[in-house]
Amino acid sequence: MADSPAADPSDDSPATDSHDEPSTDRTSSDRVFDATSRFITGVELAAAAMFALLFGIGVIDLAIQIAESVPTGAITNPNVVIGFIETGLLLLIIVEVYETVVAYIEQSETRVIVRLVIYTGVIAMVRKVIIFRTSEYATTQDALFAAVSYTVIVLGLVALLYVERSIGNSLEG
């Protein structure tokens, strides 16, 4: 192969493939774009690691809470159980946010990312509905307003999920 013309260093003919040459013709905006892209990817990776860490800490904390409530009998208190469910749903939200960040890192299709965001919203709103207590509001009207708001948001998210799945199925089929 050393006798081939492409390998001859004295050959002054222009290269036919631009990938063989070092990219000396790159503009400064290309270099800035590459640097900022690497920075964004690094921040996304750090965010993913932080969400994974939060999830791990949350699981350990939930296990400790449950273990501490068993000997005292507090595990039979419905409010305590609702607290565990709230924490569990919060952990699911963390997982969904983690998956969304990973989808961004992997540069997934926009549909995948939108679906993950909708799932996160649904879980968050279900969490709000489960922990909803009228006693936490100053007036009955405030509680009613909050309940109606939660209902509208949940219905909106369910509608978005339906539309996303319908469009997704029609695009795939």
Protein backbone atom coordinates (compact mmCIF):
# COMPACT_ATOMS: atom_id res chain seq x y z
CA MET A 1 0.00 0.00 0.00
CA ALA A 2 2.97 2.33 0.43
CA ASP A 3 3.28 2.53 -3.35
CA SER A 4 -0.24 3.90 -3.82
CA PRO A 5 -0.51 7.52 -4.97
CA ALA A 6 -2.75 8.47 -2.02
CA ALA A 7 -0.02 7.51 0.42
CA ASP A 8 2.73 9.48 -1.37
CA PRO A 9 3.52 12.54 0.77
CA SER A 10 4.96 14.41 -2.24
CA ASP A 11 1.61 14.24 -4.04
CA ASP A 12 0.22 17.78 -4.30
CA SER A 13 -3.22 16.79 -5.59
CA PRO A 14 -6.16 17.92 -3.49
CA ALA A 15 -7.76 15.34 -1.24
CA THR A 16 -11.00 13.91 -2.54
CA ASP A 17 -12.47 13.23 0.89
CA SER A 18 -12.66 16.13 3.31
CA HIS A 19 -12.72 13.70 6.24
CA ASP A 20 -9.08 12.71 5.55
CA GLU A 21 -7.78 16.20 6.30
CA PRO A 22 -7.72 17.89 9.66
CA SER A 23 -10.59 20.32 9.91
CA THR A 24 -8.58 23.52 9.53
CA ASP A 25 -11.37 25.19 7.61
CA ARG A 26 -13.75 25.12 10.57
CA THR A 27 -15.09 28.50 11.53
CA SER A 28 -14.91 29.92 14.99
CA SER A 29 -18.69 29.59 15.25
CA ASP A 30 -18.33 25.83 14.59
CA ARG A 31 -15.79 25.57 17.40
CA VAL A 32 -18.02 27.57 19.76
CA PHE A 33 -21.00 25.42 18.83
CA ASP A 34 -19.01 22.23 19.52
CA ALA A 35 -17.77 23.57 22.87
CA THR A 36 -21.25 24.62 23.98
CA SER A 37 -22.72 21.31 22.82
CA ARG A 38 -20.14 19.43 24.91
CA PHE A 39 -20.93 21.72 27.87
CA ILE A 40 -24.69 21.12 27.55
CA THR A 41 -24.16 17.36 27.30
CA GLY A 42 -21.97 17.48 30.41
CA VAL A 43 -24.63 19.40 32.33
CA GLU A 44 -27.30 16.95 31.14
CA LEU A 45 -25.17 14.04 32.34
CA ALA A 46 -24.66 15.76 35.70
CA ALA A 47 -28.41 16.35 35.99
CA ALA A 48 -29.11 12.69 35.19
CA ALA A 49 -26.62 11.61 37.85
CA MET A 50 -28.23 13.96 40.39
CA PHE A 51 -31.72 12.58 39.69
CA ALA A 52 -30.41 9.02 40.00
CA LEU A 53 -28.81 9.94 43.33
CA LEU A 54 -32.03 11.61 44.54
CA PHE A 55 -33.98 8.52 43.59
CA GLY A 56 -31.61 6.25 45.49
CA ILE A 57 -31.71 8.45 48.57
CA GLY A 58 -35.51 8.64 48.35
CA VAL A 59 -35.90 4.87 48.16
CA ILE A 60 -33.67 4.41 51.21
CA ASP A 61 -35.57 7.14 53.08
CA LEU A 62 -38.94 5.56 52.24
CA ALA A 63 -37.73 2.16 53.41
CA ILE A 64 -36.53 3.69 56.70
CA GLN A 65 -39.87 5.49 57.19
CA ILE A 66 -41.80 2.27 56.62
CA ALA A 67 -39.49 0.28 58.90
CA GLU A 68 -39.86 2.87 61.67
CA SER A 69 -43.66 2.93 61.41
CA VAL A 70 -44.12 -0.84 61.76
CA PRO A 71 -43.02 -1.28 65.41
CA THR A 72 -44.98 1.78 66.56
CA GLY A 73 -48.16 0.70 64.78
CA ALA A 74 -48.26 3.95 62.80
CA ILE A 75 -48.33 1.84 59.63
CA THR A 76 -52.05 1.28 60.26
CA ASN A 77 -52.75 5.03 60.21
CA PRO A 78 -54.27 5.95 56.81
CA ASN A 79 -52.54 9.34 56.85
CA VAL A 80 -49.17 7.65 57.31
CA VAL A 81 -49.90 5.25 54.45
CA ILE A 82 -50.94 8.18 52.26
CA GLY A 83 -47.61 9.80 53.16
CA PHE A 84 -45.82 6.67 51.93
CA ILE A 85 -47.83 6.72 48.71
CA GLU A 86 -47.00 10.41 48.27
CA THR A 87 -43.31 9.68 48.69
CA GLY A 88 -43.51 6.72 46.29
CA LEU A 89 -45.20 8.85 43.65
CA LEU A 90 -42.60 11.56 44.15
CA LEU A 91 -39.95 8.90 43.47
CA LEU A 92 -41.77 7.96 40.26
CA ILE A 93 -41.73 11.61 39.24
CA ILE A 94 -37.98 11.68 39.83
CA VAL A 95 -37.61 8.57 37.63
CA GLU A 96 -39.68 10.17 34.86
CA VAL A 97 -37.62 13.37 35.01
CA TYR A 98 -34.45 11.24 34.91
CA GLU A 99 -35.76 9.41 31.84
CA THR A 100 -36.59 12.74 30.21
CA VAL A 101 -33.04 13.99 30.78
CA VAL A 102 -31.65 10.73 29.38
CA ALA A 103 -33.91 11.10 26.33
CA TYR A 104 -32.47 14.58 25.78
CA ILE A 105 -28.93 13.23 26.13
CA GLU A 106 -29.64 10.45 23.65
CA GLN A 107 -31.33 13.00 21.37
CA SER A 108 -34.47 10.92 21.18
CA GLU A 109 -37.40 11.81 18.99
CA THR A 110 -39.45 14.75 20.21
CA ARG A 111 -42.47 12.44 20.55
CA VAL A 112 -40.59 10.29 23.08
CA ILE A 113 -39.65 13.34 25.13
CA VAL A 114 -43.17 14.77 25.00
CA ARG A 115 -44.60 11.42 26.11
CA LEU A 116 -42.22 11.33 29.08
CA VAL A 117 -43.17 14.88 30.07
CA ILE A 118 -46.87 13.98 29.87
CA TYR A 119 -46.31 10.88 32.02
CA THR A 120 -44.47 13.01 34.55
CA GLY A 121 -47.37 15.46 34.63
CA VAL A 122 -49.93 12.69 35.05
CA ILE A 123 -48.00 11.17 37.94
CA ALA A 124 -47.56 14.58 39.56
CA MET A 125 -51.25 15.36 39.31
CA VAL A 126 -52.30 11.93 40.56
CA ARG A 127 -50.00 12.57 43.51
CA LYS A 128 -51.73 15.92 44.14
CA VAL A 129 -55.16 14.26 43.97
CA ILE A 130 -54.17 11.47 46.36
CA ILE A 131 -52.82 13.86 48.98
CA PHE A 132 -55.65 16.39 48.50
CA ARG A 133 -57.20 17.35 51.85
CA THR A 134 -59.92 19.98 52.10
CA SER A 135 -58.77 20.75 55.64
CA GLU A 136 -55.58 22.25 54.22
CA TYR A 137 -57.49 25.16 52.67
CA ALA A 138 -58.75 28.27 54.44
CA THR A 139 -62.24 28.04 52.99
CA THR A 140 -64.41 25.49 51.24
CA GLN A 141 -64.37 27.70 48.17
CA ASP A 142 -60.55 27.57 48.08
CA ALA A 143 -60.65 23.77 48.31
CA LEU A 144 -63.26 23.59 45.55
CA PHE A 145 -61.19 25.88 43.33
CA ALA A 146 -58.12 23.68 43.87
CA ALA A 147 -60.11 20.50 43.16
CA VAL A 148 -61.54 21.92 39.94
CA SER A 149 -58.07 23.10 38.88
CA TYR A 150 -56.59 19.65 39.51
CA THR A 151 -59.43 18.06 37.54
CA VAL A 152 -58.92 20.36 34.56
CA ILE A 153 -55.16 19.70 34.56
CA VAL A 154 -55.62 15.92 34.83
CA LEU A 155 -58.19 15.92 32.01
CA GLY A 156 -55.89 18.07 29.89
CA LEU A 157 -52.97 15.71 30.46
CA VAL A 158 -55.12 12.66 29.68
CA ALA A 159 -56.30 14.37 26.48
CA LEU A 160 -52.68 15.16 25.54
CA LEU A 161 -51.69 11.55 26.19
CA TYR A 162 -54.59 10.31 24.05
CA VAL A 163 -53.67 12.66 21.19
CA GLU A 164 -49.98 11.76 21.44
CA ARG A 165 -50.77 8.04 21.34
CA SER A 166 -53.23 8.46 18.47
CA ILE A 167 -50.74 10.45 16.42
CA GLY A 168 -47.93 8.08 17.36
CA ASN A 169 -49.92 5.04 16.28
CA SER A 170 -50.96 6.66 12.99
CA LEU A 171 -47.34 7.62 12.25
CA GLU A 172 -46.07 4.10 12.99
CA GLY A 173 -48.88 2.28 11.15
